[in-house]
Amino acid sequence: MYRKRLPCTLTLLLLLAGCSSLDGARTTGAQPVNSDGTCNAEAVQNMLGKTATAEQVEQARLHSGAQSVRVLAPGDAVTLDYNSRRLNIDIDEAEVIERINCG
């Protein structure tokens, strides 16, 4: 059941993350850690164990200072390129955040 819903959920998360702006973050008081877009995963380790909603993913991106974010579910194909401006969020089948790192 989760396998059928997961690709749609991940697509929605990525689309919503792409529609965000830093101006919106400034109005809510959430400002990026690094103005150059370099990722700091330590700043968002408190999100481990939470459900990866579009809002949680975008908050993690903003608070980490990352320029981009990708959500990785079990079985997803992953490129091995390292990007210091990207936040990686690993989730389980129930879409619970298990690991957060940069790269």
N, C-alpha and C. Protein backbone atom coordinates (compact mmCIF):
# COMPACT_ATOMS: atom_id res chain seq x y z
N MET A 1 0.82 -1.19 0.00
CA MET A 1 0.00 0.00 0.00
C MET A 1 0.86 1.26 0.00
N TYR A 2 1.92 1.25 0.82
CA TYR A 2 2.79 2.42 0.89
C TYR A 2 3.55 2.62 -0.41
N ARG A 3 3.90 1.54 -1.07
CA ARG A 3 4.66 1.62 -2.31
C ARG A 3 3.90 2.40 -3.38
N LYS A 4 2.59 2.25 -3.43
CA LYS A 4 1.80 2.95 -4.43
C LYS A 4 1.67 4.43 -4.11
N ARG A 5 1.61 4.77 -2.85
CA ARG A 5 1.41 6.15 -2.43
C ARG A 5 2.72 6.92 -2.34
N LEU A 6 3.82 6.25 -2.09
CA LEU A 6 5.09 6.88 -1.84
C LEU A 6 5.61 7.71 -3.01
N PRO A 7 5.60 7.23 -4.26
CA PRO A 7 6.10 8.06 -5.37
C PRO A 7 5.30 9.36 -5.53
N CYS A 8 4.00 9.30 -5.34
CA CYS A 8 3.17 10.50 -5.44
C CYS A 8 3.51 11.49 -4.32
N THR A 9 3.70 10.97 -3.12
CA THR A 9 4.03 11.81 -1.98
C THR A 9 5.38 12.48 -2.18
N LEU A 10 6.36 11.73 -2.63
CA LEU A 10 7.70 12.28 -2.85
C LEU A 10 7.69 13.33 -3.95
N THR A 11 6.95 13.08 -5.01
CA THR A 11 6.84 14.06 -6.08
C THR A 11 6.23 15.35 -5.56
N LEU A 12 5.18 15.23 -4.77
CA LEU A 12 4.54 16.41 -4.18
C LEU A 12 5.51 17.17 -3.29
N LEU A 13 6.27 16.45 -2.47
CA LEU A 13 7.25 17.10 -1.59
C LEU A 13 8.29 17.88 -2.39
N LEU A 14 8.79 17.28 -3.45
CA LEU A 14 9.80 17.96 -4.27
C LEU A 14 9.22 19.17 -4.99
N LEU A 15 8.00 19.05 -5.48
CA LEU A 15 7.37 20.19 -6.14
C LEU A 15 7.13 21.34 -5.18
N LEU A 16 6.65 21.02 -3.99
CA LEU A 16 6.42 22.07 -3.00
C LEU A 16 7.72 22.71 -2.55
N ALA A 17 8.75 21.93 -2.40
CA ALA A 17 10.05 22.48 -2.01
C ALA A 17 10.57 23.43 -3.08
N GLY A 18 10.34 23.10 -4.33
CA GLY A 18 10.79 23.96 -5.43
C GLY A 18 10.00 25.25 -5.54
N CYS A 19 8.82 25.28 -4.99
CA CYS A 19 7.98 26.48 -5.06
C CYS A 19 8.22 27.44 -3.91
N SER A 20 9.07 27.07 -3.01
CA SER A 20 9.31 27.92 -1.84
C SER A 20 10.25 29.05 -2.19
N SER A 21 10.28 30.03 -1.32
CA SER A 21 11.20 31.14 -1.48
C SER A 21 11.76 31.53 -0.14
N LEU A 22 12.91 32.15 -0.14
CA LEU A 22 13.51 32.60 1.10
C LEU A 22 12.76 33.79 1.69
N ASP A 23 12.06 34.55 0.85
CA ASP A 23 11.27 35.67 1.35
C ASP A 23 10.19 35.19 2.30
N GLY A 24 9.54 34.08 1.98
CA GLY A 24 8.52 33.52 2.86
C GLY A 24 9.13 33.07 4.18
N ALA A 25 10.34 32.57 4.13
CA ALA A 25 11.00 32.14 5.36
C ALA A 25 11.30 33.33 6.26
N ARG A 26 11.64 34.43 5.68
CA ARG A 26 11.96 35.61 6.48
C ARG A 26 10.72 36.16 7.19
N THR A 27 9.58 36.03 6.55
CA THR A 27 8.38 36.55 7.19
C THR A 27 7.92 35.68 8.34
N THR A 28 8.31 34.38 8.35
CA THR A 28 7.91 33.50 9.44
C THR A 28 9.00 33.39 10.50
N GLY A 29 10.13 34.04 10.28
CA GLY A 29 11.20 34.02 11.26
C GLY A 29 12.21 32.90 11.04
N ALA A 30 11.98 32.01 10.09
CA ALA A 30 12.93 30.93 9.82
C ALA A 30 13.91 31.41 8.77
N GLN A 31 15.16 31.54 9.16
CA GLN A 31 16.16 32.00 8.22
C GLN A 31 17.22 30.94 8.03
N PRO A 32 17.75 30.84 6.82
CA PRO A 32 18.77 29.84 6.56
C PRO A 32 19.99 30.05 7.44
N VAL A 33 20.66 28.96 7.78
CA VAL A 33 21.86 29.02 8.59
C VAL A 33 23.00 29.61 7.79
N ASN A 34 23.15 29.20 6.55
CA ASN A 34 24.24 29.65 5.69
C ASN A 34 23.68 30.38 4.49
N SER A 35 24.05 31.63 4.31
CA SER A 35 23.50 32.40 3.21
C SER A 35 24.03 31.94 1.86
N ASP A 36 25.13 31.16 1.84
CA ASP A 36 25.67 30.68 0.57
C ASP A 36 25.03 29.38 0.10
N GLY A 37 24.09 28.83 0.87
CA GLY A 37 23.40 27.61 0.48
C GLY A 37 24.07 26.33 0.92
N THR A 38 25.18 26.43 1.66
CA THR A 38 25.87 25.24 2.15
C THR A 38 25.02 24.57 3.23
N CYS A 39 24.90 23.29 3.15
CA CYS A 39 24.05 22.50 4.04
C CYS A 39 24.70 22.28 5.41
N ASN A 40 23.88 22.35 6.47
CA ASN A 40 24.31 22.04 7.84
C ASN A 40 23.26 21.10 8.44
N ALA A 41 23.46 19.80 8.30
CA ALA A 41 22.49 18.80 8.76
C ALA A 41 22.36 18.77 10.28
N GLU A 42 23.39 19.17 10.99
CA GLU A 42 23.35 19.17 12.46
C GLU A 42 22.21 20.05 12.98
N ALA A 43 21.88 21.09 12.24
CA ALA A 43 20.85 22.04 12.67
C ALA A 43 19.45 21.45 12.66
N VAL A 44 19.25 20.31 11.99
CA VAL A 44 17.90 19.74 11.85
C VAL A 44 17.79 18.31 12.35
N GLN A 45 18.72 17.85 13.14
CA GLN A 45 18.67 16.49 13.67
C GLN A 45 17.47 16.27 14.59
N ASN A 46 16.89 17.35 15.09
CA ASN A 46 15.70 17.24 15.95
C ASN A 46 14.47 16.76 15.18
N MET A 47 14.53 16.68 13.86
CA MET A 47 13.41 16.22 13.05
C MET A 47 13.39 14.70 12.87
N LEU A 48 14.42 14.02 13.36
CA LEU A 48 14.43 12.56 13.28
C LEU A 48 13.22 11.99 14.02
N GLY A 49 12.56 11.02 13.40
CA GLY A 49 11.39 10.40 14.01
C GLY A 49 10.08 11.07 13.66
N LYS A 50 10.13 12.21 12.99
CA LYS A 50 8.91 12.91 12.58
C LYS A 50 8.51 12.43 11.19
N THR A 51 7.24 12.63 10.85
CA THR A 51 6.74 12.28 9.52
C THR A 51 7.21 13.32 8.51
N ALA A 52 7.65 12.85 7.37
CA ALA A 52 8.18 13.72 6.33
C ALA A 52 7.06 14.33 5.49
N THR A 53 6.39 15.33 6.05
CA THR A 53 5.38 16.07 5.29
C THR A 53 6.10 17.12 4.44
N ALA A 54 5.38 17.71 3.51
CA ALA A 54 5.97 18.77 2.68
C ALA A 54 6.46 19.92 3.56
N GLU A 55 5.70 20.23 4.58
CA GLU A 55 6.09 21.34 5.48
C GLU A 55 7.35 20.99 6.26
N GLN A 56 7.45 19.77 6.78
CA GLN A 56 8.63 19.35 7.53
C GLN A 56 9.87 19.36 6.64
N VAL A 57 9.74 18.88 5.42
CA VAL A 57 10.86 18.84 4.50
C VAL A 57 11.35 20.25 4.18
N GLU A 58 10.43 21.14 3.93
CA GLU A 58 10.81 22.52 3.61
C GLU A 58 11.42 23.21 4.83
N GLN A 59 10.89 22.98 6.01
CA GLN A 59 11.48 23.54 7.23
C GLN A 59 12.90 23.02 7.42
N ALA A 60 13.10 21.74 7.18
CA ALA A 60 14.44 21.16 7.31
C ALA A 60 15.40 21.81 6.33
N ARG A 61 14.96 22.01 5.10
CA ARG A 61 15.82 22.67 4.10
C ARG A 61 16.18 24.07 4.56
N LEU A 62 15.19 24.82 4.99
CA LEU A 62 15.45 26.20 5.42
C LEU A 62 16.37 26.27 6.63
N HIS A 63 16.08 25.47 7.64
CA HIS A 63 16.87 25.52 8.87
C HIS A 63 18.28 24.98 8.69
N SER A 64 18.47 24.10 7.72
CA SER A 64 19.82 23.57 7.46
C SER A 64 20.63 24.53 6.60
N GLY A 65 19.96 25.48 5.96
CA GLY A 65 20.64 26.41 5.07
C GLY A 65 20.88 25.85 3.69
N ALA A 66 20.39 24.64 3.42
CA ALA A 66 20.63 23.97 2.14
C ALA A 66 19.89 24.67 1.01
N GLN A 67 20.48 24.59 -0.16
CA GLN A 67 19.86 25.16 -1.36
C GLN A 67 18.79 24.22 -1.92
N SER A 68 18.99 22.91 -1.75
CA SER A 68 18.02 21.94 -2.25
C SER A 68 17.88 20.79 -1.26
N VAL A 69 16.86 19.97 -1.50
CA VAL A 69 16.59 18.83 -0.61
C VAL A 69 16.11 17.66 -1.46
N ARG A 70 16.47 16.45 -1.03
CA ARG A 70 15.89 15.27 -1.68
C ARG A 70 15.47 14.29 -0.59
N VAL A 71 14.31 13.71 -0.80
CA VAL A 71 13.76 12.73 0.13
C VAL A 71 14.00 11.35 -0.48
N LEU A 72 14.61 10.48 0.32
CA LEU A 72 14.99 9.15 -0.17
C LEU A 72 14.22 8.08 0.59
N ALA A 73 13.43 7.31 -0.15
CA ALA A 73 12.65 6.22 0.42
C ALA A 73 13.38 4.90 0.18
N PRO A 74 13.04 3.86 0.94
CA PRO A 74 13.67 2.56 0.73
C PRO A 74 13.50 2.10 -0.72
N GLY A 75 14.60 1.67 -1.33
CA GLY A 75 14.55 1.18 -2.70
C GLY A 75 14.72 2.25 -3.76
N ASP A 76 14.79 3.52 -3.38
CA ASP A 76 14.98 4.59 -4.36
C ASP A 76 16.38 4.51 -4.96
N ALA A 77 16.48 4.81 -6.24
CA ALA A 77 17.78 4.91 -6.89
C ALA A 77 18.40 6.25 -6.47
N VAL A 78 19.68 6.23 -6.13
CA VAL A 78 20.35 7.43 -5.63
C VAL A 78 21.64 7.64 -6.39
N THR A 79 21.86 8.87 -6.84
CA THR A 79 23.14 9.19 -7.46
C THR A 79 24.18 9.33 -6.37
N LEU A 80 25.42 9.06 -6.69
CA LEU A 80 26.49 9.09 -5.70
C LEU A 80 27.27 10.41 -5.72
N ASP A 81 26.79 11.38 -6.48
CA ASP A 81 27.47 12.67 -6.50
C ASP A 81 27.27 13.40 -5.18
N TYR A 82 28.31 14.09 -4.72
CA TYR A 82 28.22 14.84 -3.47
C TYR A 82 27.92 16.29 -3.81
N ASN A 83 26.92 16.84 -3.12
CA ASN A 83 26.54 18.24 -3.32
C ASN A 83 26.45 18.88 -1.94
N SER A 84 27.37 19.76 -1.62
CA SER A 84 27.42 20.38 -0.29
C SER A 84 26.24 21.30 -0.03
N ARG A 85 25.45 21.58 -1.04
CA ARG A 85 24.28 22.46 -0.90
C ARG A 85 22.96 21.70 -0.85
N ARG A 86 23.05 20.36 -0.76
CA ARG A 86 21.83 19.53 -0.77
C ARG A 86 21.65 18.81 0.56
N LEU A 87 20.42 18.84 1.07
CA LEU A 87 20.05 18.09 2.26
C LEU A 87 19.38 16.80 1.83
N ASN A 88 19.82 15.67 2.39
CA ASN A 88 19.21 14.37 2.12
C ASN A 88 18.40 13.95 3.33
N ILE A 89 17.17 13.55 3.10
CA ILE A 89 16.29 13.07 4.16
C ILE A 89 15.88 11.64 3.81
N ASP A 90 16.35 10.68 4.60
CA ASP A 90 15.99 9.27 4.40
C ASP A 90 14.76 8.95 5.24
N ILE A 91 13.75 8.35 4.58
CA ILE A 91 12.52 7.99 5.27
C ILE A 91 12.29 6.49 5.18
N ASP A 92 11.42 5.97 6.06
CA ASP A 92 11.06 4.55 5.99
C ASP A 92 9.74 4.40 5.22
N GLU A 93 9.19 3.19 5.22
CA GLU A 93 7.96 2.93 4.47
C GLU A 93 6.77 3.74 4.97
N ALA A 94 6.80 4.12 6.24
CA ALA A 94 5.71 4.92 6.82
C ALA A 94 5.99 6.41 6.71
N GLU A 95 7.02 6.79 5.94
CA GLU A 95 7.41 8.18 5.70
C GLU A 95 7.91 8.89 6.95
N VAL A 96 8.49 8.13 7.87
CA VAL A 96 9.10 8.68 9.07
C VAL A 96 10.58 8.93 8.78
N ILE A 97 11.07 10.09 9.20
CA ILE A 97 12.45 10.47 8.94
C ILE A 97 13.40 9.62 9.80
N GLU A 98 14.30 8.91 9.13
CA GLU A 98 15.25 8.03 9.81
C GLU A 98 16.67 8.60 9.85
N ARG A 99 17.02 9.39 8.84
CA ARG A 99 18.38 9.92 8.74
C ARG A 99 18.36 11.23 7.98
N ILE A 100 19.20 12.16 8.42
CA ILE A 100 19.33 13.45 7.74
C ILE A 100 20.82 13.74 7.61
N ASN A 101 21.24 13.99 6.37
CA ASN A 101 22.64 14.34 6.13
C ASN A 101 22.76 15.25 4.92
N CYS A 102 23.92 15.78 4.72
CA CYS A 102 24.18 16.62 3.55
C CYS A 102 24.89 15.80 2.49
N GLY A 103 24.75 16.24 1.27
CA GLY A 103 25.47 15.56 0.20
C GLY A 103 24.76 15.41 -1.04
